[in-house]
Amino acid sequence: MIAQIEQIMYQLSDFFMAPVLCLIALLFIYSLFATGQFFSQSMQRRRHYKSFIQLLNGKLGSNRQLILNGYPMASLANEMPEISQDQLDVATLKELEGVRNVSRLAPMLGLIATMIPMGPALKSLADGNIQGISENLIVAFSAVIFGLVIASITFWIASVKKRWMVEELVALSPLLEKMPLEQSSQEATLPVQAVEKDYEAA
């Protein structure tokens, strides 16, 4: 019974090899795309920094024509002035979710793709097949190298983008605090205006 379970697990581990290698290749392509997107956003932030400062010196939603490319949280807050701090926090997590997940998944997949060929490599070692050992070890080391490269790229991008998002949230927090106060003051003046109109009509 135990021998059958071991044989089934060994066969399944071989079956996982191709999907794991495909996922590593896809994540490597994603890391290159994320790198290009990161540098593009960096240039956009430099180009539209004055618009961001103009937003901070004004009022959310007062000038929706501002170009805030590279500042996703500021752009969202300007388009939706009634948005809350908690909603912006959730939007920030969603913005960073992709690169953060890839930076954690890539080393795991690299480790899986490293361990799977070790079984055939050890079997080849027992059989005295030197060529089989080298072929399996090449796949194992290549997979872990790609996994670490992907994790390094995406971890760096996630760290810098997290700092950007935090800077935006800190800069926007005074404007977000003003919005409820302004809305409450407007609501408070409405009954007074209605009473004055009734008094004048009387």
Protein backbone atom coordinates (compact mmCIF):
# COMPACT_ATOMS: atom_id res chain seq x y z
CA MET A 1 0.00 0.00 0.00
CA ILE A 2 2.76 2.44 0.97
CA ALA A 3 4.74 1.51 -2.14
CA GLN A 4 1.72 2.26 -4.33
CA ILE A 5 1.23 5.66 -2.67
CA GLU A 6 4.92 6.46 -3.18
CA GLN A 7 4.70 5.47 -6.84
CA ILE A 8 1.56 7.61 -7.37
CA MET A 9 3.20 10.63 -5.69
CA TYR A 10 6.32 10.16 -7.82
CA GLN A 11 4.27 10.07 -11.01
CA LEU A 12 2.24 13.10 -9.96
CA SER A 13 5.40 15.07 -9.20
CA ASP A 14 6.58 14.41 -12.75
CA PHE A 15 3.19 15.57 -14.01
CA PHE A 16 3.58 18.91 -12.14
CA MET A 17 6.91 19.69 -13.81
CA ALA A 18 5.55 21.02 -17.12
CA PRO A 19 2.86 23.30 -15.58
CA VAL A 20 5.35 24.70 -13.07
CA LEU A 21 7.89 25.50 -15.81
CA CYS A 22 5.15 27.16 -17.87
CA LEU A 23 4.12 29.26 -14.87
CA ILE A 24 7.72 30.33 -14.25
CA ALA A 25 8.02 31.38 -17.89
CA LEU A 26 4.77 33.37 -17.67
CA LEU A 27 5.87 35.04 -14.43
CA PHE A 28 9.18 35.98 -16.03
CA ILE A 29 7.30 37.66 -18.88
CA TYR A 30 5.08 39.40 -16.30
CA SER A 31 8.16 40.64 -14.43
CA LEU A 32 9.51 42.20 -17.64
CA PHE A 33 6.12 43.82 -18.28
CA ALA A 34 5.97 45.08 -14.68
CA THR A 35 9.47 46.55 -15.06
CA GLY A 36 8.46 48.49 -18.16
CA GLN A 37 5.27 49.65 -16.47
CA PHE A 38 7.26 50.74 -13.42
CA PHE A 39 9.68 52.91 -15.39
CA SER A 40 6.79 54.36 -17.39
CA GLN A 41 4.98 55.30 -14.17
CA SER A 42 8.20 56.80 -12.80
CA MET A 43 8.46 59.13 -15.80
CA GLN A 44 4.76 60.01 -15.56
CA ARG A 45 5.17 60.95 -11.91
CA ARG A 46 7.99 63.34 -12.76
CA ARG A 47 6.05 64.82 -15.65
CA HIS A 48 2.82 65.42 -13.72
CA TYR A 49 4.27 66.32 -10.33
CA LYS A 50 3.05 69.92 -10.66
CA SER A 51 -0.51 68.69 -11.27
CA PHE A 52 -0.26 66.60 -8.11
CA ILE A 53 0.90 69.62 -6.09
CA GLN A 54 -1.91 71.67 -7.63
CA LEU A 55 -4.41 69.06 -6.45
CA LEU A 56 -3.01 69.12 -2.92
CA ASN A 57 -3.30 72.93 -2.80
CA GLY A 58 -6.92 72.86 -3.92
CA LYS A 59 -9.99 70.78 -3.28
CA LEU A 60 -10.77 67.23 -4.36
CA GLY A 61 -13.04 67.18 -7.40
CA SER A 62 -12.81 70.92 -8.03
CA ASN A 63 -10.64 70.45 -11.11
CA ARG A 64 -11.20 67.08 -12.71
CA GLN A 65 -9.26 68.11 -15.80
CA LEU A 66 -5.96 67.65 -13.96
CA ILE A 67 -3.73 65.03 -15.55
CA LEU A 68 -2.54 62.79 -12.71
CA ASN A 69 -1.02 59.91 -14.66
CA GLY A 70 1.42 58.09 -12.41
CA TYR A 71 -0.53 59.03 -9.28
CA PRO A 72 -3.31 56.40 -9.17
CA MET A 73 -4.56 57.18 -5.67
CA ALA A 74 -4.63 60.93 -6.31
CA SER A 75 -6.42 60.38 -9.61
CA LEU A 76 -9.00 58.13 -7.92
CA ALA A 77 -9.57 60.61 -5.09
CA ASN A 78 -9.97 63.48 -7.56
CA GLU A 79 -12.52 61.53 -9.62
CA MET A 80 -14.39 60.38 -6.50
CA PRO A 81 -14.12 63.17 -3.90
CA GLU A 82 -16.47 61.34 -1.52
CA ILE A 83 -14.14 58.35 -1.27
CA SER A 84 -13.03 57.40 2.24
CA GLN A 85 -9.59 56.68 3.62
CA ASP A 86 -10.43 52.99 4.01
CA GLN A 87 -11.50 52.72 0.39
CA LEU A 88 -8.23 54.29 -0.72
CA ASP A 89 -6.33 51.80 1.45
CA VAL A 90 -8.14 48.94 -0.28
CA ALA A 91 -7.38 50.46 -3.68
CA THR A 92 -3.71 50.69 -2.69
CA LEU A 93 -3.61 47.00 -1.78
CA LYS A 94 -5.24 46.16 -5.09
CA GLU A 95 -2.65 48.28 -6.94
CA LEU A 96 0.21 46.37 -5.30
CA GLU A 97 -1.41 42.95 -5.31
CA GLY A 98 0.08 41.71 -8.59
CA VAL A 99 3.78 42.33 -7.99
CA ARG A 100 3.54 41.34 -4.32
CA ASN A 101 1.98 37.98 -5.14
CA VAL A 102 4.49 37.27 -7.90
CA SER A 103 7.41 38.12 -5.61
CA ARG A 104 6.18 35.43 -3.21
CA LEU A 105 5.04 32.81 -5.72
CA ALA A 106 8.14 32.81 -7.95
CA PRO A 107 10.57 31.39 -5.32
CA MET A 108 8.03 28.71 -4.37
CA LEU A 109 7.59 27.63 -7.98
CA GLY A 110 11.35 27.73 -8.49
CA LEU A 111 11.82 25.46 -5.48
CA ILE A 112 9.17 23.05 -6.77
CA ALA A 113 10.83 22.95 -10.19
CA THR A 114 14.17 22.36 -8.45
CA MET A 115 13.02 19.47 -6.28
CA ILE A 116 11.07 17.57 -8.95
CA PRO A 117 14.14 16.73 -11.13
CA MET A 118 16.15 15.69 -8.05
CA GLY A 119 14.31 12.34 -7.95
CA PRO A 120 15.27 11.32 -11.50
CA ALA A 121 18.78 12.74 -10.90
CA LEU A 122 19.27 10.53 -7.84
CA LYS A 123 17.87 7.57 -9.73
CA SER A 124 20.35 8.25 -12.55
CA LEU A 125 23.13 8.47 -9.97
CA ALA A 126 22.18 5.06 -8.61
CA ASP A 127 22.15 3.64 -12.14
CA GLY A 128 25.50 5.26 -12.99
CA ASN A 129 23.93 7.43 -15.72
CA ILE A 130 26.02 10.61 -15.62
CA GLN A 131 24.19 12.19 -18.56
CA GLY A 132 20.83 11.76 -16.83
CA ILE A 133 22.19 13.47 -13.72
CA SER A 134 23.48 16.48 -15.65
CA GLU A 135 20.26 16.90 -17.65
CA ASN A 136 18.06 16.90 -14.55
CA LEU A 137 20.37 19.20 -12.58
CA ILE A 138 20.46 21.70 -15.45
CA VAL A 139 16.66 21.95 -15.34
CA ALA A 140 16.65 22.19 -11.55
CA PHE A 141 19.22 25.00 -11.31
CA SER A 142 17.75 26.92 -14.25
CA ALA A 143 14.30 26.89 -12.65
CA VAL A 144 15.49 28.17 -9.27
CA ILE A 145 17.59 30.90 -10.93
CA PHE A 146 14.59 32.13 -12.91
CA GLY A 147 12.43 32.03 -9.79
CA LEU A 148 14.91 34.13 -7.82
CA VAL A 149 15.35 36.63 -10.66
CA ILE A 150 11.57 37.08 -10.94
CA ALA A 151 11.24 37.48 -7.16
CA SER A 152 14.06 40.03 -7.01
CA ILE A 153 12.59 42.19 -9.78
CA THR A 154 9.01 42.16 -8.48
CA PHE A 155 10.04 42.62 -4.83
CA TRP A 156 12.00 45.77 -5.75
CA ILE A 157 9.09 47.11 -7.80
CA ALA A 158 6.60 46.35 -5.02
CA SER A 159 8.78 48.08 -2.41
CA VAL A 160 9.17 51.29 -4.43
CA LYS A 161 5.51 51.38 -5.47
CA LYS A 162 4.47 50.84 -1.85
CA ARG A 163 6.47 53.93 -0.88
CA TRP A 164 4.81 55.89 -3.68
CA MET A 165 1.33 54.82 -2.54
CA VAL A 166 2.06 55.69 1.09
CA GLU A 167 3.35 59.13 0.08
CA GLU A 168 0.15 59.75 -1.89
CA LEU A 169 -2.09 58.61 0.97
CA VAL A 170 -0.26 60.79 3.49
CA ALA A 171 -0.48 63.80 1.17
CA LEU A 172 -4.18 63.21 0.47
CA SER A 173 -5.25 62.61 4.07
CA PRO A 174 -5.78 66.35 4.90
CA LEU A 175 -7.99 66.75 1.83
CA LEU A 176 -9.97 63.64 2.75
CA GLU A 177 -10.52 64.99 6.25
CA LYS A 178 -11.84 68.30 4.88
CA MET A 179 -14.50 66.68 2.71
CA PRO A 180 -16.79 65.37 5.53
CA LEU A 181 -16.49 68.71 7.36
CA GLU A 182 -17.49 70.67 4.27
CA GLN A 183 -20.39 68.33 3.54
CA SER A 184 -21.67 68.55 7.12
CA SER A 185 -21.43 72.35 7.08
CA GLN A 186 -23.38 72.47 3.82
CA GLU A 187 -26.06 70.20 5.24
CA ALA A 188 -26.27 72.39 8.33
CA THR A 189 -26.83 75.55 6.29
CA LEU A 190 -29.67 74.01 4.25
CA PRO A 191 -32.28 74.08 7.08
CA VAL A 192 -31.30 77.66 7.94
CA GLN A 193 -31.80 78.75 4.34
CA ALA A 194 -35.15 76.98 4.21
CA VAL A 195 -36.33 78.78 7.40
CA GLU A 196 -35.24 82.15 5.96
CA LYS A 197 -37.16 81.48 2.74
CA ASP A 198 -40.31 80.54 4.72
CA TYR A 199 -39.93 83.66 6.84
CA GLU A 200 -39.61 85.88 3.78
CA ALA A 201 -42.61 84.22 2.16
CA ALA A 202 -44.66 84.85 5.28
